[in-house]
Amino acid sequence: MASRNASFHERGIGGVLLIPLKWACIGTMILLGLILAAWVIDWVFVFSVWPDGIARLQGILEQELARTYTMECWCGDLPRLASGTANLLYDLIFRMSGIHDMGVRFAHGAALSIPDTIVRNAYRANFEEIQVAMVGTQILGVRLATLLAPMPLLGLAYGVALADGFVQRAVRRASGGRESASIYHRAKHLQLVLLVSAVAAYILLAKSIDPRPVCGVLILTVAILARVQWMYYKKHL
């Protein structure tokens, strides 16, 4: 077996410095994957399912923004945060790439060079698809900001479940109860699956729904699973 020292591993100062970069890259890739998935779903619904097309998608964006005014958030001004996140994603994808300015330039009928003329033809041929992507990106930004609202409640519920789980573990150990690594790992993995699935479904859903009831049920379920997880924690502390 090769020595661990002979290959690259996250050790020492170098490893610590690379951890933020590693997670930033992972987060960026996940975000890009969600954006692409949202575009595909929106394209399918706009061009193949909804009779009113992009008007329905724009209505969803308006509903999502309007709902932020009725939600309380620890971050303070949730509507401002939601619109800021939506605009940030839009700017990163469409302004920095030049697509937004390209559309404005084409719409104003400015004099175009030969390359711009070629690009304009491609832009006009895919104009509706680009519009759907723009609106879908903004919806995703609003929903990402909305997910910040239940985070304190999720953290509180998990903390209470963690404390109670350790108490139950101590009681079981004192009374000779069995420990189970399989139950511990199943509960831990099921929490991750539930959270990831719920977040992905909410972000990609081609319909406007109030996330608060779903978040309540999800937080309660995660808290129960966390309690079971730490109740059956096997290693000695």
Protein backbone atom coordinates (compact mmCIF):
# COMPACT_ATOMS: atom_id res chain seq x y z
CA MET A 1 0.00 0.00 0.00
CA ALA A 2 1.34 3.42 -0.92
CA SER A 3 2.22 5.78 1.88
CA ARG A 4 -0.21 8.60 2.57
CA ASN A 5 2.77 10.95 2.54
CA ALA A 6 3.48 10.03 -1.08
CA SER A 7 0.26 11.56 -2.38
CA PHE A 8 -1.67 14.76 -1.92
CA HIS A 9 -3.89 14.94 1.15
CA GLU A 10 -5.55 17.76 3.01
CA ARG A 11 -3.03 18.06 5.81
CA GLY A 12 -1.40 20.94 7.58
CA ILE A 13 -1.74 24.59 6.65
CA GLY A 14 -2.01 23.83 2.94
CA GLY A 15 -4.98 21.54 3.51
CA VAL A 16 -6.71 24.07 5.73
CA LEU A 17 -6.23 26.82 3.16
CA LEU A 18 -7.58 24.63 0.36
CA ILE A 19 -10.76 23.58 2.19
CA PRO A 20 -12.63 26.87 1.51
CA LEU A 21 -11.58 26.72 -2.16
CA LYS A 22 -12.71 23.12 -2.37
CA TRP A 23 -16.14 23.85 -0.94
CA ALA A 24 -16.48 26.99 -3.06
CA CYS A 25 -15.86 24.91 -6.18
CA ILE A 26 -18.34 22.26 -5.04
CA GLY A 27 -20.95 24.90 -4.24
CA THR A 28 -20.45 26.58 -7.60
CA MET A 29 -20.83 23.30 -9.47
CA ILE A 30 -23.99 22.45 -7.54
CA LEU A 31 -25.43 25.90 -8.25
CA LEU A 32 -24.64 25.61 -11.95
CA GLY A 33 -26.24 22.17 -12.02
CA LEU A 34 -29.40 23.52 -10.38
CA ILE A 35 -29.55 26.43 -12.82
CA LEU A 36 -29.22 24.14 -15.84
CA ALA A 37 -31.84 21.77 -14.42
CA ALA A 38 -34.20 24.71 -13.80
CA TRP A 39 -33.74 25.92 -17.37
CA VAL A 40 -34.54 22.50 -18.81
CA ILE A 41 -37.66 22.10 -16.67
CA ASP A 42 -38.85 25.62 -17.49
CA TRP A 43 -38.28 25.09 -21.21
CA VAL A 44 -40.32 21.88 -21.12
CA PHE A 45 -43.24 23.49 -19.30
CA VAL A 46 -43.20 26.76 -21.24
CA PHE A 47 -43.00 25.23 -24.72
CA SER A 48 -44.78 21.89 -24.21
CA VAL A 49 -47.13 22.05 -21.20
CA TRP A 50 -48.43 25.54 -20.40
CA PRO A 51 -50.80 27.09 -22.96
CA ASP A 52 -49.85 30.61 -21.83
CA GLY A 53 -46.12 29.89 -22.08
CA ILE A 54 -43.69 32.38 -20.61
CA ALA A 55 -46.51 34.47 -19.12
CA ARG A 56 -47.10 31.66 -16.62
CA LEU A 57 -43.42 31.64 -15.70
CA GLN A 58 -43.38 35.39 -15.18
CA GLY A 59 -46.47 35.02 -13.00
CA ILE A 60 -44.61 32.50 -10.84
CA LEU A 61 -41.76 34.99 -10.39
CA GLU A 62 -44.21 37.68 -9.30
CA GLN A 63 -45.90 35.30 -6.85
CA GLU A 64 -42.56 34.24 -5.35
CA LEU A 65 -41.52 37.87 -4.85
CA ALA A 66 -44.91 38.81 -3.38
CA ARG A 67 -44.72 35.95 -0.86
CA THR A 68 -41.45 37.26 0.56
CA TYR A 69 -43.37 40.29 1.88
CA THR A 70 -45.49 37.99 4.06
CA MET A 71 -42.58 35.99 5.50
CA GLU A 72 -40.54 36.82 8.56
CA CYS A 73 -36.80 36.30 8.33
CA TRP A 74 -33.91 36.61 10.75
CA CYS A 75 -31.99 38.33 7.96
CA GLY A 76 -34.32 41.34 8.19
CA ASP A 77 -35.56 42.57 4.82
CA LEU A 78 -36.32 39.32 2.99
CA PRO A 79 -37.91 40.98 -0.10
CA ARG A 80 -34.77 43.04 -0.62
CA LEU A 81 -32.55 40.01 -0.10
CA ALA A 82 -34.64 37.92 -2.51
CA SER A 83 -34.61 40.53 -5.27
CA GLY A 84 -30.89 41.13 -4.67
CA THR A 85 -30.10 37.41 -4.98
CA ALA A 86 -32.20 37.14 -8.15
CA ASN A 87 -30.45 40.16 -9.66
CA LEU A 88 -27.04 38.84 -8.64
CA LEU A 89 -27.56 35.51 -10.41
CA TYR A 90 -28.96 37.33 -13.43
CA ASP A 91 -25.97 39.66 -13.58
CA LEU A 92 -23.44 36.85 -13.20
CA ILE A 93 -24.95 34.81 -16.01
CA PHE A 94 -26.45 37.31 -18.45
CA ARG A 95 -24.74 40.65 -17.85
CA MET A 96 -21.19 39.42 -17.36
CA SER A 97 -21.54 37.17 -20.41
CA GLY A 98 -22.81 40.09 -22.48
CA ILE A 99 -26.12 38.45 -23.37
CA HIS A 100 -28.18 41.20 -21.69
CA ASP A 101 -26.30 44.04 -23.39
CA MET A 102 -26.44 42.15 -26.66
CA GLY A 103 -30.23 42.00 -26.51
CA VAL A 104 -30.47 45.71 -25.65
CA ARG A 105 -28.17 46.58 -28.54
CA PHE A 106 -30.15 44.48 -30.99
CA ALA A 107 -33.47 45.90 -29.74
CA HIS A 108 -32.35 49.51 -30.26
CA GLY A 109 -31.41 48.86 -33.88
CA ALA A 110 -27.85 50.13 -33.53
CA ALA A 111 -25.40 49.69 -36.38
CA LEU A 112 -23.93 46.19 -36.22
CA SER A 113 -20.69 44.68 -37.39
CA ILE A 114 -20.64 41.46 -39.41
CA PRO A 115 -19.97 39.28 -36.33
CA ASP A 116 -22.80 41.07 -34.47
CA THR A 117 -25.12 40.43 -37.40
CA ILE A 118 -24.37 36.71 -37.26
CA VAL A 119 -24.86 36.66 -33.48
CA ARG A 120 -28.10 38.65 -33.84
CA ASN A 121 -29.56 36.00 -36.10
CA ALA A 122 -28.75 33.30 -33.57
CA TYR A 123 -30.09 35.48 -30.74
CA ARG A 124 -33.38 36.12 -32.55
CA ALA A 125 -33.76 32.43 -33.40
CA ASN A 126 -33.44 31.51 -29.70
CA PHE A 127 -34.99 34.63 -28.19
CA GLU A 128 -37.84 32.84 -26.38
CA GLU A 129 -35.49 30.22 -24.90
CA ILE A 130 -33.20 32.98 -23.62
CA GLN A 131 -36.16 34.80 -22.08
CA VAL A 132 -37.25 31.64 -20.26
CA ALA A 133 -33.72 31.13 -18.95
CA MET A 134 -33.59 34.72 -17.69
CA VAL A 135 -36.89 34.47 -15.81
CA GLY A 136 -36.04 30.97 -14.51
CA THR A 137 -32.73 32.23 -13.14
CA GLN A 138 -34.48 35.00 -11.24
CA ILE A 139 -37.02 32.55 -9.79
CA LEU A 140 -34.19 30.34 -8.60
CA GLY A 141 -32.50 33.34 -6.94
CA VAL A 142 -35.68 34.31 -5.11
CA ARG A 143 -36.18 30.77 -3.86
CA LEU A 144 -32.58 30.46 -2.69
CA ALA A 145 -33.05 33.59 -0.57
CA THR A 146 -36.40 32.32 0.73
CA LEU A 147 -34.69 29.19 2.03
CA LEU A 148 -32.77 31.36 4.51
CA ALA A 149 -35.96 32.12 6.46
CA PRO A 150 -36.39 28.70 8.17
CA MET A 151 -32.68 28.15 8.88
CA PRO A 152 -32.76 29.35 12.53
CA LEU A 153 -35.73 27.08 13.27
CA LEU A 154 -33.93 24.16 11.64
CA GLY A 155 -30.80 24.87 13.68
CA LEU A 156 -32.81 25.14 16.91
CA ALA A 157 -34.71 21.92 16.24
CA TYR A 158 -31.50 20.07 15.41
CA GLY A 159 -29.79 21.40 18.54
CA VAL A 160 -32.64 20.25 20.78
CA ALA A 161 -32.72 16.85 19.06
CA LEU A 162 -28.93 16.55 19.42
CA ALA A 163 -29.06 17.29 23.16
CA ASP A 164 -31.97 14.94 23.78
CA GLY A 165 -30.34 12.23 21.70
CA PHE A 166 -27.15 12.38 23.76
CA VAL A 167 -29.19 12.27 26.97
CA GLN A 168 -31.05 9.19 25.75
CA ARG A 169 -27.75 7.63 24.71
CA ALA A 170 -26.31 8.18 28.19
CA VAL A 171 -29.41 6.66 29.78
CA ARG A 172 -29.26 3.65 27.49
CA ARG A 173 -25.56 3.13 28.12
CA ALA A 174 -26.08 3.34 31.90
CA SER A 175 -28.88 0.79 31.75
CA GLY A 176 -27.01 -1.56 29.43
CA GLY A 177 -28.94 -0.70 26.28
CA ARG A 178 -27.46 -1.63 22.93
CA GLU A 179 -25.80 0.77 20.52
CA SER A 180 -26.30 0.48 16.79
CA ALA A 181 -23.99 1.91 14.17
CA SER A 182 -26.40 0.87 11.40
CA ILE A 183 -29.30 2.86 12.88
CA TYR A 184 -26.97 5.82 13.42
CA HIS A 185 -25.77 5.86 9.81
CA ARG A 186 -29.22 5.26 8.34
CA ALA A 187 -30.71 8.16 10.30
CA LYS A 188 -27.80 10.41 9.34
CA HIS A 189 -27.98 9.58 5.64
CA LEU A 190 -31.77 9.85 5.57
CA GLN A 191 -31.55 13.40 6.94
CA LEU A 192 -29.20 14.39 4.12
CA VAL A 193 -31.39 12.74 1.49
CA LEU A 194 -34.53 14.47 2.80
CA LEU A 195 -32.92 17.91 2.97
CA VAL A 196 -31.28 17.70 -0.45
CA SER A 197 -34.42 16.29 -2.08
CA ALA A 198 -36.69 18.91 -0.51
CA VAL A 199 -34.41 21.82 -1.42
CA ALA A 200 -33.95 20.60 -5.00
CA ALA A 201 -37.69 19.98 -5.43
CA TYR A 202 -38.60 23.43 -4.13
CA ILE A 203 -36.00 25.23 -6.24
CA LEU A 204 -36.86 23.35 -9.44
CA LEU A 205 -40.63 23.14 -9.02
CA ALA A 206 -42.45 24.69 -11.98
CA LYS A 207 -45.17 26.05 -9.70
CA SER A 208 -45.40 28.65 -6.97
CA ILE A 209 -46.09 27.12 -3.54
CA ASP A 210 -45.86 28.38 0.02
CA PRO A 211 -42.81 26.59 1.48
CA ARG A 212 -43.69 27.23 5.13
CA PRO A 213 -45.96 24.19 5.76
CA VAL A 214 -43.53 21.89 3.96
CA CYS A 215 -40.61 23.35 5.93
CA GLY A 216 -42.44 22.72 9.20
CA VAL A 217 -42.96 19.04 8.42
CA LEU A 218 -39.41 18.69 7.08
CA ILE A 219 -37.83 20.31 10.15
CA LEU A 220 -39.83 18.07 12.49
CA THR A 221 -38.81 14.97 10.51
CA VAL A 222 -35.14 15.98 10.51
CA ALA A 223 -35.27 16.62 14.27
CA ILE A 224 -36.72 13.15 14.90
CA LEU A 225 -34.08 11.53 12.73
CA ALA A 226 -31.33 13.56 14.44
CA ARG A 227 -32.55 12.39 17.83
CA VAL A 228 -32.48 8.77 16.66
CA GLN A 229 -29.04 9.29 15.09
CA TRP A 230 -27.37 10.56 18.24
CA MET A 231 -29.28 8.18 20.50
CA TYR A 232 -27.54 5.29 18.76
CA TYR A 233 -24.13 6.94 18.38
CA LYS A 234 -21.70 4.08 18.88
CA LYS A 235 -18.29 5.57 19.53
CA HIS A 236 -17.26 6.45 23.07
CA LEU A 237 -16.92 10.18 23.74
